[in-house]
N, C-alpha and C. Protein backbone atom coordinates (compact mmCIF):
# COMPACT_ATOMS: atom_id res chain seq x y z
N UNK A 1 193.51 41.43 83.86
CA UNK A 1 192.90 40.91 82.66
C UNK A 1 191.66 41.76 82.36
N UNK A 2 191.56 42.25 81.15
CA UNK A 2 190.40 43.02 80.74
C UNK A 2 189.24 42.09 80.42
N UNK A 3 188.05 42.68 80.42
CA UNK A 3 186.85 41.89 80.18
C UNK A 3 186.87 41.27 78.79
N UNK A 4 187.23 42.03 77.78
CA UNK A 4 187.21 41.49 76.42
C UNK A 4 188.25 40.38 76.26
N UNK A 5 189.39 40.49 76.96
CA UNK A 5 190.39 39.44 76.89
C UNK A 5 189.89 38.15 77.54
N UNK A 6 189.23 38.32 78.67
CA UNK A 6 188.64 37.17 79.35
C UNK A 6 187.53 36.56 78.49
N UNK A 7 186.74 37.42 77.87
CA UNK A 7 185.66 36.98 77.00
C UNK A 7 186.21 36.15 75.83
N UNK A 8 187.25 36.62 75.16
CA UNK A 8 187.86 35.90 74.04
C UNK A 8 188.41 34.56 74.52
N UNK A 9 189.10 34.58 75.67
CA UNK A 9 189.71 33.37 76.22
C UNK A 9 188.63 32.32 76.53
N UNK A 10 187.54 32.71 77.19
CA UNK A 10 186.47 31.77 77.57
C UNK A 10 185.74 31.26 76.32
N UNK A 11 185.47 32.16 75.36
CA UNK A 11 184.77 31.74 74.14
C UNK A 11 185.60 30.70 73.38
N UNK A 12 186.90 30.93 73.26
CA UNK A 12 187.74 29.98 72.54
C UNK A 12 187.81 28.65 73.30
N UNK A 13 187.86 28.69 74.64
CA UNK A 13 187.87 27.45 75.42
C UNK A 13 186.57 26.65 75.23
N UNK A 14 185.43 27.35 75.20
CA UNK A 14 184.14 26.66 74.99
C UNK A 14 184.11 26.02 73.60
N UNK A 15 184.56 26.79 72.61
CA UNK A 15 184.58 26.28 71.25
C UNK A 15 185.51 25.07 71.15
N UNK A 16 186.68 25.16 71.77
CA UNK A 16 187.63 24.04 71.73
C UNK A 16 187.07 22.81 72.43
N UNK A 17 186.35 23.01 73.53
CA UNK A 17 185.75 21.87 74.25
C UNK A 17 184.73 21.17 73.35
N UNK A 18 183.86 21.95 72.74
CA UNK A 18 182.85 21.37 71.85
C UNK A 18 183.49 20.66 70.65
N UNK A 19 184.45 21.32 70.01
CA UNK A 19 185.12 20.72 68.85
C UNK A 19 185.94 19.50 69.24
N UNK A 20 186.57 19.55 70.42
CA UNK A 20 187.33 18.40 70.90
C UNK A 20 186.44 17.19 71.08
N UNK A 21 185.23 17.41 71.62
CA UNK A 21 184.28 16.32 71.79
C UNK A 21 183.88 15.72 70.43
N UNK A 22 183.59 16.60 69.47
CA UNK A 22 183.22 16.13 68.12
C UNK A 22 184.39 15.40 67.46
N UNK A 23 185.61 15.91 67.66
CA UNK A 23 186.79 15.26 67.08
C UNK A 23 187.01 13.88 67.70
N UNK A 24 186.73 13.76 68.99
CA UNK A 24 186.88 12.47 69.66
C UNK A 24 185.88 11.45 69.12
N UNK A 25 184.73 11.93 68.61
CA UNK A 25 183.73 11.04 68.03
C UNK A 25 184.06 10.67 66.58
N UNK A 26 185.17 11.21 66.04
CA UNK A 26 185.62 10.82 64.71
C UNK A 26 185.33 11.84 63.62
N UNK A 27 184.90 13.04 63.97
CA UNK A 27 184.61 14.06 62.97
C UNK A 27 185.91 14.74 62.56
N UNK A 28 186.36 14.54 61.32
CA UNK A 28 187.63 15.07 60.82
C UNK A 28 187.59 16.60 60.73
N UNK A 29 186.45 17.15 60.27
CA UNK A 29 186.34 18.61 60.18
C UNK A 29 186.47 19.25 61.55
N UNK A 30 185.87 18.62 62.56
CA UNK A 30 185.96 19.15 63.92
C UNK A 30 187.41 19.13 64.40
N UNK A 31 188.17 18.10 64.03
CA UNK A 31 189.58 18.01 64.42
C UNK A 31 190.37 19.18 63.82
N UNK A 32 190.13 19.46 62.52
CA UNK A 32 190.84 20.57 61.87
C UNK A 32 190.41 21.92 62.44
N UNK A 33 189.14 22.06 62.75
CA UNK A 33 188.67 23.32 63.36
C UNK A 33 189.23 23.49 64.77
N UNK A 34 189.36 22.38 65.47
CA UNK A 34 189.95 22.41 66.81
C UNK A 34 191.41 22.89 66.72
N UNK A 35 192.14 22.41 65.70
CA UNK A 35 193.51 22.86 65.47
C UNK A 35 193.54 24.36 65.19
N UNK A 36 192.60 24.83 64.33
CA UNK A 36 192.57 26.25 63.97
C UNK A 36 192.29 27.12 65.20
N UNK A 37 191.30 26.73 66.01
CA UNK A 37 191.01 27.52 67.21
C UNK A 37 192.11 27.38 68.26
N UNK A 38 192.81 26.24 68.27
CA UNK A 38 193.96 26.07 69.17
C UNK A 38 195.07 27.05 68.83
N UNK A 39 195.33 27.21 67.52
CA UNK A 39 196.33 28.19 67.08
C UNK A 39 195.90 29.60 67.49
N UNK A 40 194.62 29.91 67.30
CA UNK A 40 194.10 31.23 67.68
C UNK A 40 194.19 31.44 69.19
N UNK A 41 193.87 30.39 69.96
CA UNK A 41 193.96 30.48 71.42
C UNK A 41 195.41 30.69 71.86
N UNK A 42 196.31 29.96 71.22
CA UNK A 42 197.73 30.11 71.57
C UNK A 42 198.19 31.55 71.35
N UNK A 43 197.84 32.11 70.18
CA UNK A 43 198.24 33.48 69.88
C UNK A 43 197.60 34.47 70.83
N UNK A 44 196.32 34.28 71.17
CA UNK A 44 195.63 35.20 72.08
C UNK A 44 196.22 35.14 73.47
N UNK A 45 196.45 33.92 73.97
CA UNK A 45 197.04 33.77 75.32
C UNK A 45 198.44 34.38 75.36
N UNK A 46 199.22 34.13 74.32
CA UNK A 46 200.57 34.69 74.26
C UNK A 46 200.53 36.21 74.32
N UNK A 47 199.67 36.84 73.53
CA UNK A 47 199.59 38.29 73.49
C UNK A 47 199.03 38.86 74.79
N UNK A 48 198.07 38.14 75.42
CA UNK A 48 197.54 38.61 76.72
C UNK A 48 198.63 38.55 77.77
N UNK A 49 199.42 37.49 77.77
CA UNK A 49 200.50 37.37 78.76
C UNK A 49 201.55 38.45 78.56
N UNK A 50 201.80 38.84 77.31
CA UNK A 50 202.76 39.93 77.05
C UNK A 50 202.20 41.25 77.54
N UNK A 51 200.91 41.52 77.25
CA UNK A 51 200.32 42.81 77.66
C UNK A 51 200.19 42.90 79.17
N UNK A 52 200.08 41.81 79.88
CA UNK A 52 199.98 41.82 81.34
C UNK A 52 201.36 41.75 81.99
N UNK A 53 202.36 41.77 81.19
CA UNK A 53 203.75 41.71 81.65
C UNK A 53 204.02 40.46 82.48
N UNK A 54 203.31 39.38 82.14
CA UNK A 54 203.56 38.11 82.81
C UNK A 54 204.77 37.46 82.17
N UNK A 55 204.86 37.59 80.87
CA UNK A 55 206.08 37.17 80.20
C UNK A 55 206.67 38.40 79.57
N UNK A 56 207.91 38.38 79.40
CA UNK A 56 208.58 39.56 78.86
C UNK A 56 208.40 39.66 77.36
N UNK A 57 208.55 40.90 76.87
CA UNK A 57 208.44 41.16 75.45
C UNK A 57 209.69 40.60 74.81
N UNK A 58 209.51 39.60 74.00
CA UNK A 58 210.67 38.95 73.39
C UNK A 58 210.84 39.46 71.98
N UNK A 59 211.82 38.89 71.33
CA UNK A 59 212.08 39.29 69.93
C UNK A 59 210.94 38.84 69.02
N UNK A 60 210.17 37.86 69.49
CA UNK A 60 209.03 37.40 68.70
C UNK A 60 207.96 38.48 68.69
N UNK A 61 207.68 39.08 69.79
CA UNK A 61 206.67 40.13 69.88
C UNK A 61 205.26 39.55 69.89
N UNK A 62 204.35 40.37 69.47
CA UNK A 62 202.95 39.94 69.42
C UNK A 62 202.75 38.98 68.24
N UNK A 63 202.15 37.81 68.52
CA UNK A 63 201.94 36.82 67.45
C UNK A 63 200.45 36.64 67.10
N UNK A 64 199.58 37.41 67.76
CA UNK A 64 198.13 37.33 67.51
C UNK A 64 197.77 37.48 66.05
N UNK A 65 198.30 38.50 65.36
CA UNK A 65 197.95 38.65 63.94
C UNK A 65 198.40 37.45 63.10
N UNK A 66 199.55 36.89 63.43
CA UNK A 66 200.04 35.73 62.68
C UNK A 66 199.20 34.48 62.95
N UNK A 67 198.84 34.30 64.22
CA UNK A 67 197.99 33.15 64.53
C UNK A 67 196.60 33.31 63.93
N UNK A 68 196.14 34.57 63.82
CA UNK A 68 194.85 34.79 63.17
C UNK A 68 194.94 34.43 61.68
N UNK A 69 196.06 34.79 61.06
CA UNK A 69 196.27 34.42 59.64
C UNK A 69 196.30 32.89 59.52
N UNK A 70 196.97 32.21 60.46
CA UNK A 70 196.99 30.74 60.46
C UNK A 70 195.58 30.17 60.61
N UNK A 71 194.79 30.79 61.51
CA UNK A 71 193.40 30.38 61.71
C UNK A 71 192.61 30.49 60.40
N UNK A 72 192.76 31.63 59.73
CA UNK A 72 192.05 31.87 58.47
C UNK A 72 192.51 30.86 57.41
N UNK A 73 193.80 30.57 57.34
CA UNK A 73 194.29 29.61 56.35
C UNK A 73 193.76 28.21 56.61
N UNK A 74 193.74 27.82 57.87
CA UNK A 74 193.21 26.48 58.19
C UNK A 74 191.71 26.41 57.86
N UNK A 75 190.96 27.47 58.21
CA UNK A 75 189.53 27.51 57.88
C UNK A 75 189.31 27.47 56.36
N UNK A 76 190.18 28.18 55.63
CA UNK A 76 190.09 28.17 54.16
C UNK A 76 190.34 26.76 53.63
N UNK A 77 191.31 26.07 54.21
CA UNK A 77 191.57 24.69 53.81
C UNK A 77 190.37 23.79 54.08
N UNK A 78 189.73 23.98 55.23
CA UNK A 78 188.54 23.19 55.57
C UNK A 78 187.44 23.46 54.56
N UNK A 79 187.21 24.75 54.26
CA UNK A 79 186.16 25.11 53.31
C UNK A 79 186.45 24.59 51.91
N UNK A 80 187.71 24.70 51.47
CA UNK A 80 188.03 24.21 50.12
C UNK A 80 187.91 22.69 50.05
N UNK A 81 188.26 22.00 51.13
CA UNK A 81 188.08 20.54 51.17
C UNK A 81 186.60 20.16 51.10
N UNK A 82 185.76 20.91 51.85
CA UNK A 82 184.32 20.63 51.83
C UNK A 82 183.75 20.92 50.44
N UNK A 83 184.23 22.00 49.81
CA UNK A 83 183.75 22.34 48.46
C UNK A 83 184.18 21.27 47.46
N UNK A 84 185.42 20.79 47.58
CA UNK A 84 185.91 19.76 46.67
C UNK A 84 185.11 18.47 46.86
N UNK A 85 184.82 18.13 48.11
CA UNK A 85 184.02 16.93 48.39
C UNK A 85 182.62 17.09 47.80
N UNK A 86 182.01 18.26 47.98
CA UNK A 86 180.68 18.50 47.43
C UNK A 86 180.70 18.42 45.90
N UNK A 87 181.77 18.94 45.30
CA UNK A 87 181.89 18.89 43.84
C UNK A 87 182.01 17.45 43.35
N UNK A 88 182.85 16.66 44.03
CA UNK A 88 183.00 15.26 43.65
C UNK A 88 181.68 14.51 43.80
N UNK A 89 180.98 14.78 44.87
CA UNK A 89 179.69 14.11 45.12
C UNK A 89 178.67 14.52 44.05
N UNK A 90 178.62 15.81 43.72
CA UNK A 90 177.69 16.28 42.69
C UNK A 90 178.02 15.65 41.34
N UNK A 91 179.32 15.54 41.03
CA UNK A 91 179.73 14.93 39.77
C UNK A 91 179.34 13.45 39.74
N UNK A 92 179.57 12.76 40.85
CA UNK A 92 179.20 11.35 40.95
C UNK A 92 177.69 11.18 40.78
N UNK A 93 176.92 12.02 41.46
CA UNK A 93 175.47 11.93 41.35
C UNK A 93 175.01 12.26 39.93
N UNK A 94 175.66 13.24 39.31
CA UNK A 94 175.32 13.61 37.93
C UNK A 94 175.57 12.46 36.97
N UNK A 95 176.70 11.78 37.13
CA UNK A 95 177.01 10.65 36.26
C UNK A 95 176.03 9.50 36.48
N UNK A 96 175.74 9.21 37.75
CA UNK A 96 174.80 8.12 38.04
C UNK A 96 173.41 8.48 37.55
N UNK A 97 173.03 9.73 37.71
CA UNK A 97 171.71 10.15 37.25
C UNK A 97 171.62 10.03 35.73
N UNK A 98 172.70 10.39 35.05
CA UNK A 98 172.72 10.28 33.59
C UNK A 98 172.57 8.82 33.17
N UNK A 99 173.31 7.92 33.84
CA UNK A 99 173.20 6.49 33.53
C UNK A 99 171.79 5.98 33.81
N UNK A 100 171.21 6.40 34.92
CA UNK A 100 169.87 5.96 35.28
C UNK A 100 168.84 6.46 34.26
N UNK A 101 169.00 7.71 33.83
CA UNK A 101 168.09 8.27 32.82
C UNK A 101 168.23 7.49 31.51
N UNK A 102 169.47 7.17 31.12
CA UNK A 102 169.69 6.39 29.89
C UNK A 102 169.05 5.01 29.99
N UNK A 103 169.21 4.36 31.14
CA UNK A 103 168.62 3.04 31.35
C UNK A 103 167.10 3.10 31.27
N UNK A 104 166.52 4.08 31.97
CA UNK A 104 165.06 4.22 31.95
C UNK A 104 164.56 4.56 30.55
N UNK A 105 165.33 5.36 29.82
CA UNK A 105 164.94 5.72 28.45
C UNK A 105 164.96 4.49 27.55
N UNK A 106 166.00 3.65 27.68
CA UNK A 106 166.05 2.42 26.89
C UNK A 106 164.87 1.52 27.22
N UNK A 107 164.59 1.36 28.52
CA UNK A 107 163.45 0.53 28.93
C UNK A 107 162.15 1.08 28.37
N UNK A 108 162.02 2.39 28.37
CA UNK A 108 160.81 3.02 27.85
C UNK A 108 160.68 2.77 26.35
N UNK A 109 161.80 2.85 25.62
CA UNK A 109 161.76 2.58 24.18
C UNK A 109 161.35 1.13 23.92
N UNK A 110 161.89 0.20 24.70
CA UNK A 110 161.55 -1.21 24.52
C UNK A 110 160.06 -1.42 24.79
N UNK A 111 159.57 -0.83 25.87
CA UNK A 111 158.15 -0.99 26.20
C UNK A 111 157.27 -0.32 25.15
N UNK A 112 157.73 0.79 24.62
CA UNK A 112 156.96 1.47 23.56
C UNK A 112 156.88 0.61 22.32
N UNK A 113 158.01 0.01 21.94
CA UNK A 113 158.02 -0.89 20.77
C UNK A 113 157.10 -2.09 21.01
N UNK A 114 157.14 -2.65 22.22
CA UNK A 114 156.25 -3.77 22.54
C UNK A 114 154.79 -3.35 22.45
N UNK A 115 154.50 -2.15 22.95
CA UNK A 115 153.12 -1.66 22.90
C UNK A 115 152.67 -1.44 21.46
N UNK A 116 153.57 -0.92 20.63
CA UNK A 116 153.23 -0.70 19.22
C UNK A 116 152.97 -2.04 18.53
N UNK A 117 153.83 -3.05 18.81
CA UNK A 117 153.63 -4.38 18.23
C UNK A 117 152.32 -4.99 18.71
N UNK A 118 152.05 -4.82 20.02
CA UNK A 118 150.81 -5.38 20.57
C UNK A 118 149.60 -4.68 19.95
N UNK A 119 149.70 -3.39 19.74
CA UNK A 119 148.59 -2.65 19.13
C UNK A 119 148.38 -3.12 17.69
N UNK A 120 149.48 -3.30 16.95
CA UNK A 120 149.37 -3.77 15.57
C UNK A 120 148.77 -5.18 15.53
N UNK A 121 149.20 -6.02 16.46
CA UNK A 121 148.66 -7.38 16.52
C UNK A 121 147.17 -7.36 16.87
N UNK A 122 146.81 -6.50 17.81
CA UNK A 122 145.39 -6.38 18.19
C UNK A 122 144.57 -5.87 17.01
N UNK A 123 145.11 -4.92 16.29
CA UNK A 123 144.42 -4.39 15.11
C UNK A 123 144.25 -5.48 14.05
N UNK A 124 145.29 -6.27 13.85
CA UNK A 124 145.22 -7.37 12.90
C UNK A 124 144.17 -8.39 13.32
N UNK A 125 144.16 -8.73 14.62
CA UNK A 125 143.17 -9.68 15.13
C UNK A 125 141.75 -9.11 15.00
N UNK A 126 141.60 -7.82 15.23
CA UNK A 126 140.29 -7.18 15.11
C UNK A 126 139.81 -7.25 13.65
N UNK A 127 140.73 -6.97 12.72
CA UNK A 127 140.37 -7.03 11.31
C UNK A 127 139.99 -8.46 10.90
N UNK A 128 140.75 -9.44 11.42
CA UNK A 128 140.41 -10.83 11.12
C UNK A 128 139.03 -11.19 11.68
N UNK A 129 138.77 -10.73 12.91
CA UNK A 129 137.48 -11.03 13.54
C UNK A 129 136.35 -10.38 12.75
N UNK A 130 136.56 -9.14 12.29
CA UNK A 130 135.53 -8.48 11.47
C UNK A 130 135.32 -9.22 10.16
N UNK A 131 136.42 -9.68 9.54
CA UNK A 131 136.30 -10.43 8.29
C UNK A 131 135.55 -11.74 8.52
N UNK A 132 135.86 -12.41 9.63
CA UNK A 132 135.16 -13.65 9.95
C UNK A 132 133.69 -13.39 10.25
N UNK A 133 133.41 -12.28 10.92
CA UNK A 133 132.01 -11.94 11.21
C UNK A 133 131.24 -11.71 9.92
N UNK A 134 131.87 -10.99 8.98
CA UNK A 134 131.22 -10.78 7.68
C UNK A 134 131.02 -12.10 6.96
N UNK A 135 132.02 -12.96 7.02
CA UNK A 135 131.93 -14.27 6.38
C UNK A 135 130.82 -15.10 7.00
N UNK A 136 130.74 -15.06 8.35
CA UNK A 136 129.67 -15.80 9.04
C UNK A 136 128.30 -15.24 8.69
N UNK A 137 128.22 -13.94 8.57
CA UNK A 137 126.95 -13.32 8.19
C UNK A 137 126.53 -13.77 6.79
N UNK A 138 127.50 -13.81 5.89
CA UNK A 138 127.21 -14.27 4.52
C UNK A 138 126.78 -15.74 4.52
N UNK A 139 127.50 -16.55 5.32
CA UNK A 139 127.13 -17.96 5.41
C UNK A 139 125.73 -18.13 6.00
N UNK A 140 125.39 -17.30 6.99
CA UNK A 140 124.07 -17.37 7.59
C UNK A 140 122.99 -17.01 6.56
N UNK A 141 123.26 -15.99 5.74
CA UNK A 141 122.32 -15.62 4.68
C UNK A 141 122.15 -16.77 3.69
N UNK A 142 123.27 -17.39 3.33
CA UNK A 142 123.20 -18.52 2.39
C UNK A 142 122.43 -19.69 2.99
N UNK A 143 122.65 -19.95 4.27
CA UNK A 143 121.94 -21.05 4.96
C UNK A 143 120.45 -20.76 4.98
N UNK A 144 120.10 -19.52 5.34
CA UNK A 144 118.69 -19.15 5.38
C UNK A 144 118.06 -19.28 4.00
N UNK A 145 118.75 -18.81 2.99
CA UNK A 145 118.24 -18.90 1.62
C UNK A 145 118.08 -20.36 1.21
N UNK A 146 119.06 -21.18 1.58
CA UNK A 146 119.00 -22.60 1.25
C UNK A 146 117.78 -23.25 1.88
N UNK A 147 117.58 -22.97 3.20
CA UNK A 147 116.44 -23.59 3.87
C UNK A 147 115.11 -23.08 3.32
N UNK A 148 115.06 -21.81 2.95
CA UNK A 148 113.82 -21.30 2.36
C UNK A 148 113.55 -21.98 1.02
N UNK A 149 114.61 -22.11 0.21
CA UNK A 149 114.44 -22.77 -1.08
C UNK A 149 114.05 -24.24 -0.91
N UNK A 150 114.73 -24.91 0.02
CA UNK A 150 114.42 -26.33 0.25
C UNK A 150 112.99 -26.49 0.78
N UNK A 151 112.61 -25.59 1.66
CA UNK A 151 111.26 -25.63 2.21
C UNK A 151 110.24 -25.48 1.08
N UNK A 152 110.50 -24.54 0.20
CA UNK A 152 109.59 -24.32 -0.93
C UNK A 152 109.57 -25.54 -1.85
N UNK A 153 110.77 -26.06 -2.10
CA UNK A 153 110.87 -27.22 -2.98
C UNK A 153 110.19 -28.45 -2.39
N UNK A 154 110.19 -28.58 -1.09
CA UNK A 154 109.53 -29.73 -0.45
C UNK A 154 108.03 -29.50 -0.30
N UNK A 155 107.64 -28.28 -0.02
CA UNK A 155 106.24 -27.96 0.22
C UNK A 155 105.39 -28.22 -1.04
N UNK A 156 105.90 -27.82 -2.19
CA UNK A 156 105.13 -27.97 -3.43
C UNK A 156 104.84 -29.44 -3.74
N UNK A 157 105.84 -30.34 -3.74
CA UNK A 157 105.50 -31.75 -4.02
C UNK A 157 104.65 -32.38 -2.93
N UNK A 158 104.87 -31.96 -1.66
CA UNK A 158 104.07 -32.52 -0.57
C UNK A 158 102.60 -32.13 -0.75
N UNK A 159 102.39 -30.90 -1.14
CA UNK A 159 101.02 -30.45 -1.35
C UNK A 159 100.38 -31.24 -2.50
N UNK A 160 101.16 -31.48 -3.55
CA UNK A 160 100.67 -32.24 -4.69
C UNK A 160 100.40 -33.71 -4.32
N UNK A 161 101.18 -34.24 -3.40
CA UNK A 161 100.97 -35.63 -2.94
C UNK A 161 99.78 -35.68 -1.98
N UNK A 162 99.66 -34.68 -1.10
CA UNK A 162 98.67 -34.69 -0.03
C UNK A 162 97.24 -34.55 -0.59
N UNK A 163 97.04 -33.72 -1.59
CA UNK A 163 95.69 -33.52 -2.13
C UNK A 163 95.07 -34.82 -2.67
N UNK A 164 95.75 -35.61 -3.52
CA UNK A 164 95.13 -36.88 -3.98
C UNK A 164 94.94 -37.88 -2.84
N UNK A 165 95.87 -37.86 -1.86
CA UNK A 165 95.75 -38.79 -0.73
C UNK A 165 94.50 -38.46 0.09
N UNK A 166 94.25 -37.17 0.31
CA UNK A 166 93.08 -36.77 1.10
C UNK A 166 91.78 -37.14 0.35
N UNK A 167 91.79 -36.93 -0.96
CA UNK A 167 90.55 -37.30 -1.71
C UNK A 167 90.37 -38.82 -1.71
N UNK A 168 91.45 -39.60 -1.77
CA UNK A 168 91.35 -41.06 -1.70
C UNK A 168 90.96 -41.50 -0.30
N UNK A 169 91.44 -40.77 0.71
CA UNK A 169 91.10 -41.10 2.08
C UNK A 169 89.61 -40.89 2.32
N UNK A 170 89.03 -39.88 1.70
CA UNK A 170 87.60 -39.64 1.84
C UNK A 170 86.81 -40.67 1.02
N UNK A 171 87.37 -41.05 -0.10
CA UNK A 171 86.67 -42.03 -0.94
C UNK A 171 86.77 -43.43 -0.35
N UNK A 172 87.88 -43.76 0.28
CA UNK A 172 88.06 -45.09 0.88
C UNK A 172 88.44 -44.93 2.35
N UNK A 173 87.51 -44.65 3.22
CA UNK A 173 87.82 -44.41 4.62
C UNK A 173 88.35 -45.64 5.35
N UNK A 174 88.15 -46.80 4.85
CA UNK A 174 88.59 -48.01 5.54
C UNK A 174 89.99 -48.44 5.11
N UNK A 175 90.59 -47.78 4.15
CA UNK A 175 91.91 -48.17 3.67
C UNK A 175 92.97 -47.60 4.61
N UNK A 176 93.59 -48.50 5.32
CA UNK A 176 94.58 -48.10 6.33
C UNK A 176 95.84 -47.56 5.69
N UNK A 177 96.25 -48.05 4.58
CA UNK A 177 97.49 -47.60 3.93
C UNK A 177 97.35 -46.14 3.49
N UNK A 178 96.19 -45.79 2.93
CA UNK A 178 95.97 -44.40 2.51
C UNK A 178 95.91 -43.50 3.74
N UNK A 179 95.31 -43.98 4.81
CA UNK A 179 95.22 -43.20 6.05
C UNK A 179 96.61 -42.94 6.62
N UNK A 180 97.50 -43.95 6.62
CA UNK A 180 98.89 -43.80 7.14
C UNK A 180 99.66 -42.84 6.23
N UNK A 181 99.53 -42.97 4.93
CA UNK A 181 100.23 -42.09 3.98
C UNK A 181 99.76 -40.64 4.15
N UNK A 182 98.46 -40.44 4.33
CA UNK A 182 97.92 -39.08 4.53
C UNK A 182 98.45 -38.49 5.82
N UNK A 183 98.40 -39.28 6.88
CA UNK A 183 98.88 -38.81 8.19
C UNK A 183 100.36 -38.42 8.12
N UNK A 184 101.19 -39.25 7.51
CA UNK A 184 102.63 -38.97 7.42
C UNK A 184 102.91 -37.78 6.49
N UNK A 185 102.13 -37.62 5.45
CA UNK A 185 102.31 -36.47 4.56
C UNK A 185 101.99 -35.16 5.28
N UNK A 186 100.90 -35.16 6.06
CA UNK A 186 100.56 -33.95 6.85
C UNK A 186 101.68 -33.63 7.85
N UNK A 187 102.16 -34.67 8.49
CA UNK A 187 103.24 -34.47 9.48
C UNK A 187 104.47 -33.89 8.80
N UNK A 188 104.86 -34.39 7.67
CA UNK A 188 106.02 -33.90 6.92
C UNK A 188 105.80 -32.46 6.46
N UNK A 189 104.59 -32.13 6.06
CA UNK A 189 104.27 -30.76 5.65
C UNK A 189 104.36 -29.80 6.85
N UNK A 190 103.90 -30.26 8.00
CA UNK A 190 103.99 -29.46 9.22
C UNK A 190 105.46 -29.17 9.58
N UNK A 191 106.31 -30.18 9.45
CA UNK A 191 107.75 -30.02 9.74
C UNK A 191 108.40 -29.04 8.73
N UNK A 192 108.02 -29.13 7.50
CA UNK A 192 108.58 -28.23 6.47
C UNK A 192 108.16 -26.80 6.73
N UNK A 193 106.93 -26.62 7.19
CA UNK A 193 106.41 -25.26 7.44
C UNK A 193 107.03 -24.61 8.67
N UNK A 194 107.63 -25.41 9.50
CA UNK A 194 108.27 -24.81 10.68
C UNK A 194 109.50 -24.10 10.23
């Protein structure tokens, strides 16, 4: 046995052992690769046995090239299956991603419309509040004007009433009624001036 023949034989056995273990754990790709390397091992062992004259040269002859072609075909099948699976998965993910994007876009449109409505409502409420503030300001001006006018209207007659009462109070200091009227008139004038 030559070194390279032994090397090929040992390498294929190691590979088959590893792939056999993976296939036993349920890995389908490992099972197919184990089959491919088994075919390659069979062809290599057969050709080594022929070259060592352990088995006679039969009408079949060397089968190494044919088993190598079988190995390549099985590997091609594994690769095309993996590519098909990846394509199906990518297509599935693409479709789901498209649906998810559409859903998120619809939700975003709904939220945008709600935000626009809320903004319009807030603007309307702000305008109403400003209008009410202006109205309250106008009412406050009217109230102030009213109280100023009323104060003036009350102050003038009170002053006209108070002056004769004070002169009568000085002229008749013992008259209690004039004293009470003067006192109450001053008090009322003080309240009006506030």
